[in-house]
Amino acid sequence: MKKEDFLEFLRSELCPKLEARKVVITDNLNIHRSWEVEELIRGTGARILYLPVYAPELNPIEMMGSVLKHFIQQFSRVGKYSVEQIVQTCLLLINPSCFRSWFAKCCYCTP
């Protein structure tokens, strides 16, 4: 994503929905750390917090990745299945409550 696209997303989608005293958590991607981003978010009264440089325990994608890697290792030994088929099967087998748990564990709000 280009910086201009990200700034437009903030202006049109995120910032109008932010409330004062809310916190936006982001990674350390260069476009996320720009003064324009901080100005837009702080202009709503919200705060911006940056994740540590590498924090897999705060990233639900990393948790899913570990499940996928394990699943691929187990079934790649069979040899006749492509990795794409293995991943598709794995995603069908993961209980939706796992996704909610991963997000909750990472302190993301989930309904």
C-alpha atoms as a PDB file:
ATOM      1  CA  MET A   1       0.000   0.000   0.000  1.00  0.00           C
ATOM      2  CA  LYS A   2       1.270   3.435  -0.837  1.00  0.00           C
ATOM      3  CA  LYS A   3       1.488   6.170   1.761  1.00  0.00           C
ATOM      4  CA  GLU A   4      -1.168   8.256  -0.003  1.00  0.00           C
ATOM      5  CA  ASP A   5      -3.577   5.308  -0.025  1.00  0.00           C
ATOM      6  CA  PHE A   6      -3.019   4.681   3.673  1.00  0.00           C
ATOM      7  CA  LEU A   7      -3.573   8.346   4.519  1.00  0.00           C
ATOM      8  CA  GLU A   8      -6.797   8.300   2.488  1.00  0.00           C
ATOM      9  CA  PHE A   9      -7.935   5.203   4.396  1.00  0.00           C
ATOM     10  CA  LEU A  10      -7.286   7.023   7.665  1.00  0.00           C
ATOM     11  CA  ARG A  11      -9.152  10.152   6.540  1.00  0.00           C
ATOM     12  CA  SER A  12     -12.179   8.395   5.059  1.00  0.00           C
ATOM     13  CA  GLU A  13     -12.526   5.205   7.113  1.00  0.00           C
ATOM     14  CA  LEU A  14     -10.665   5.078  10.413  1.00  0.00           C
ATOM     15  CA  CYS A  15     -10.532   8.612  11.777  1.00  0.00           C
ATOM     16  CA  PRO A  16     -14.266   9.338  11.401  1.00  0.00           C
ATOM     17  CA  LYS A  17     -14.935   6.270  13.577  1.00  0.00           C
ATOM     18  CA  LEU A  18     -12.378   7.034  16.278  1.00  0.00           C
ATOM     19  CA  GLU A  19     -13.401   8.520  19.591  1.00  0.00           C
ATOM     20  CA  ALA A  20     -11.383  10.514  22.074  1.00  0.00           C
ATOM     21  CA  ARG A  21      -9.350   8.407  24.493  1.00  0.00           C
ATOM     22  CA  LYS A  22      -9.283   5.429  22.114  1.00  0.00           C
ATOM     23  CA  VAL A  23      -5.969   3.823  21.178  1.00  0.00           C
ATOM     24  CA  VAL A  24      -4.793   2.857  17.708  1.00  0.00           C
ATOM     25  CA  ILE A  25      -2.150   0.125  17.745  1.00  0.00           C
ATOM     26  CA  THR A  26       0.069  -0.236  14.712  1.00  0.00           C
ATOM     27  CA  ASP A  27       3.330  -1.751  13.626  1.00  0.00           C
ATOM     28  CA  ASN A  28       6.509   0.082  12.675  1.00  0.00           C
ATOM     29  CA  LEU A  29       6.002   0.230   8.927  1.00  0.00           C
ATOM     30  CA  ASN A  30       7.407   3.519   7.642  1.00  0.00           C
ATOM     31  CA  ILE A  31       4.066   4.824   6.387  1.00  0.00           C
ATOM     32  CA  HIS A  32       2.488   4.078   9.784  1.00  0.00           C
ATOM     33  CA  ARG A  33       5.124   6.144  11.592  1.00  0.00           C
ATOM     34  CA  SER A  34       4.832   9.302   9.512  1.00  0.00           C
ATOM     35  CA  TRP A  35       3.978  12.641  11.082  1.00  0.00           C
ATOM     36  CA  GLU A  36       0.831  12.829   8.896  1.00  0.00           C
ATOM     37  CA  VAL A  37      -0.498   9.586  10.384  1.00  0.00           C
ATOM     38  CA  GLU A  38       0.173  10.726  13.936  1.00  0.00           C
ATOM     39  CA  GLU A  39      -1.432  14.099  13.216  1.00  0.00           C
ATOM     40  CA  LEU A  40      -4.591  12.522  11.772  1.00  0.00           C
ATOM     41  CA  ILE A  41      -5.038  10.068  14.643  1.00  0.00           C
ATOM     42  CA  ARG A  42      -4.189  12.501  17.418  1.00  0.00           C
ATOM     43  CA  GLY A  43      -6.521  15.025  15.791  1.00  0.00           C
ATOM     44  CA  THR A  44      -9.428  12.773  16.755  1.00  0.00           C
ATOM     45  CA  GLY A  45      -8.329  12.727  20.388  1.00  0.00           C
ATOM     46  CA  ALA A  46      -7.134   9.140  20.102  1.00  0.00           C
ATOM     47  CA  ARG A  47      -3.635   7.935  20.950  1.00  0.00           C
ATOM     48  CA  ILE A  48      -1.319   5.933  18.751  1.00  0.00           C
ATOM     49  CA  LEU A  49       0.833   3.124  20.128  1.00  0.00           C
ATOM     50  CA  TYR A  50       3.468   1.234  18.186  1.00  0.00           C
ATOM     51  CA  LEU A  51       4.147  -2.461  18.607  1.00  0.00           C
ATOM     52  CA  PRO A  52       7.679  -3.514  19.447  1.00  0.00           C
ATOM     53  CA  VAL A  53       9.826  -4.183  16.394  1.00  0.00           C
ATOM     54  CA  TYR A  54       8.920  -7.876  16.427  1.00  0.00           C
ATOM     55  CA  ALA A  55       6.103  -9.039  18.669  1.00  0.00           C
ATOM     56  CA  PRO A  56       4.657 -12.334  17.422  1.00  0.00           C
ATOM     57  CA  GLU A  57       2.773 -12.825  20.689  1.00  0.00           C
ATOM     58  CA  LEU A  58       0.753  -9.694  19.846  1.00  0.00           C
ATOM     59  CA  ASN A  59      -0.091 -10.823  16.329  1.00  0.00           C
ATOM     60  CA  PRO A  60      -2.953 -13.284  15.752  1.00  0.00           C
ATOM     61  CA  ILE A  61      -1.619 -13.967  12.253  1.00  0.00           C
ATOM     62  CA  GLU A  62       1.522 -15.465  13.816  1.00  0.00           C
ATOM     63  CA  MET A  63      -0.630 -17.800  15.906  1.00  0.00           C
ATOM     64  CA  MET A  64      -2.547 -18.916  12.842  1.00  0.00           C
ATOM     65  CA  GLY A  65       0.746 -19.281  10.988  1.00  0.00           C
ATOM     66  CA  SER A  66       2.049 -21.723  13.552  1.00  0.00           C
ATOM     67  CA  VAL A  67      -1.091 -23.864  13.203  1.00  0.00           C
ATOM     68  CA  LEU A  68      -0.821 -23.782   9.405  1.00  0.00           C
ATOM     69  CA  LYS A  69       2.881 -24.681   9.482  1.00  0.00           C
ATOM     70  CA  HIS A  70       2.200 -27.641  11.746  1.00  0.00           C
ATOM     71  CA  PHE A  71      -0.670 -28.798   9.538  1.00  0.00           C
ATOM     72  CA  ILE A  72       1.465 -28.481   6.383  1.00  0.00           C
ATOM     73  CA  GLN A  73       4.288 -30.453   7.999  1.00  0.00           C
ATOM     74  CA  GLN A  74       1.909 -33.244   8.938  1.00  0.00           C
ATOM     75  CA  PHE A  75       0.297 -33.589   5.509  1.00  0.00           C
ATOM     76  CA  SER A  76       3.176 -32.691   3.211  1.00  0.00           C
ATOM     77  CA  ARG A  77       4.660 -36.096   4.017  1.00  0.00           C
ATOM     78  CA  VAL A  78       1.807 -37.649   2.065  1.00  0.00           C
ATOM     79  CA  GLY A  79       3.293 -36.001  -1.008  1.00  0.00           C
ATOM     80  CA  LYS A  80       0.301 -36.054  -3.337  1.00  0.00           C
ATOM     81  CA  TYR A  81      -1.282 -32.875  -1.955  1.00  0.00           C
ATOM     82  CA  SER A  82      -0.205 -29.389  -2.919  1.00  0.00           C
ATOM     83  CA  VAL A  83       0.480 -26.857  -0.202  1.00  0.00           C
ATOM     84  CA  GLU A  84      -2.490 -24.829  -1.447  1.00  0.00           C
ATOM     85  CA  GLN A  85      -4.856 -27.781  -0.930  1.00  0.00           C
ATOM     86  CA  ILE A  86      -3.395 -28.439   2.513  1.00  0.00           C
ATOM     87  CA  VAL A  87      -3.871 -24.807   3.595  1.00  0.00           C
ATOM     88  CA  GLN A  88      -7.446 -24.714   2.262  1.00  0.00           C
ATOM     89  CA  THR A  89      -8.276 -27.893   4.169  1.00  0.00           C
ATOM     90  CA  CYS A  90      -6.653 -26.591   7.344  1.00  0.00           C
ATOM     91  CA  LEU A  91      -8.649 -23.345   7.203  1.00  0.00           C
ATOM     92  CA  LEU A  92     -11.865 -25.324   6.845  1.00  0.00           C
ATOM     93  CA  LEU A  93     -10.993 -27.414   9.901  1.00  0.00           C
ATOM     94  CA  ILE A  94     -10.097 -24.534  12.231  1.00  0.00           C
ATOM     95  CA  ASN A  95     -12.992 -23.788  14.532  1.00  0.00           C
ATOM     96  CA  PRO A  96     -14.148 -20.138  14.248  1.00  0.00           C
ATOM     97  CA  SER A  97     -13.816 -19.822  18.020  1.00  0.00           C
ATOM     98  CA  CYS A  98     -10.041 -20.241  17.555  1.00  0.00           C
ATOM     99  CA  PHE A  99      -9.949 -17.032  15.540  1.00  0.00           C
ATOM    100  CA  ARG A 100     -11.837 -15.164  18.286  1.00  0.00           C
ATOM    101  CA  SER A 101      -9.490 -16.614  20.897  1.00  0.00           C
ATOM    102  CA  TRP A 102      -6.399 -15.551  18.970  1.00  0.00           C
ATOM    103  CA  PHE A 103      -7.678 -12.008  18.660  1.00  0.00           C
ATOM    104  CA  ALA A 104      -8.748 -11.893  22.322  1.00  0.00           C
ATOM    105  CA  LYS A 105      -5.364 -13.235  23.446  1.00  0.00           C
ATOM    106  CA  CYS A 106      -3.715 -10.406  21.534  1.00  0.00           C
ATOM    107  CA  CYS A 107      -6.010  -7.919  23.329  1.00  0.00           C
ATOM    108  CA  TYR A 108      -7.952  -7.000  20.169  1.00  0.00           C
ATOM    109  CA  CYS A 109     -11.606  -6.327  20.843  1.00  0.00           C
ATOM    110  CA  THR A 110     -13.857  -9.083  19.553  1.00  0.00           C
ATOM    111  CA  PRO A 111     -17.647  -9.273  19.705  1.00  0.00           C
END
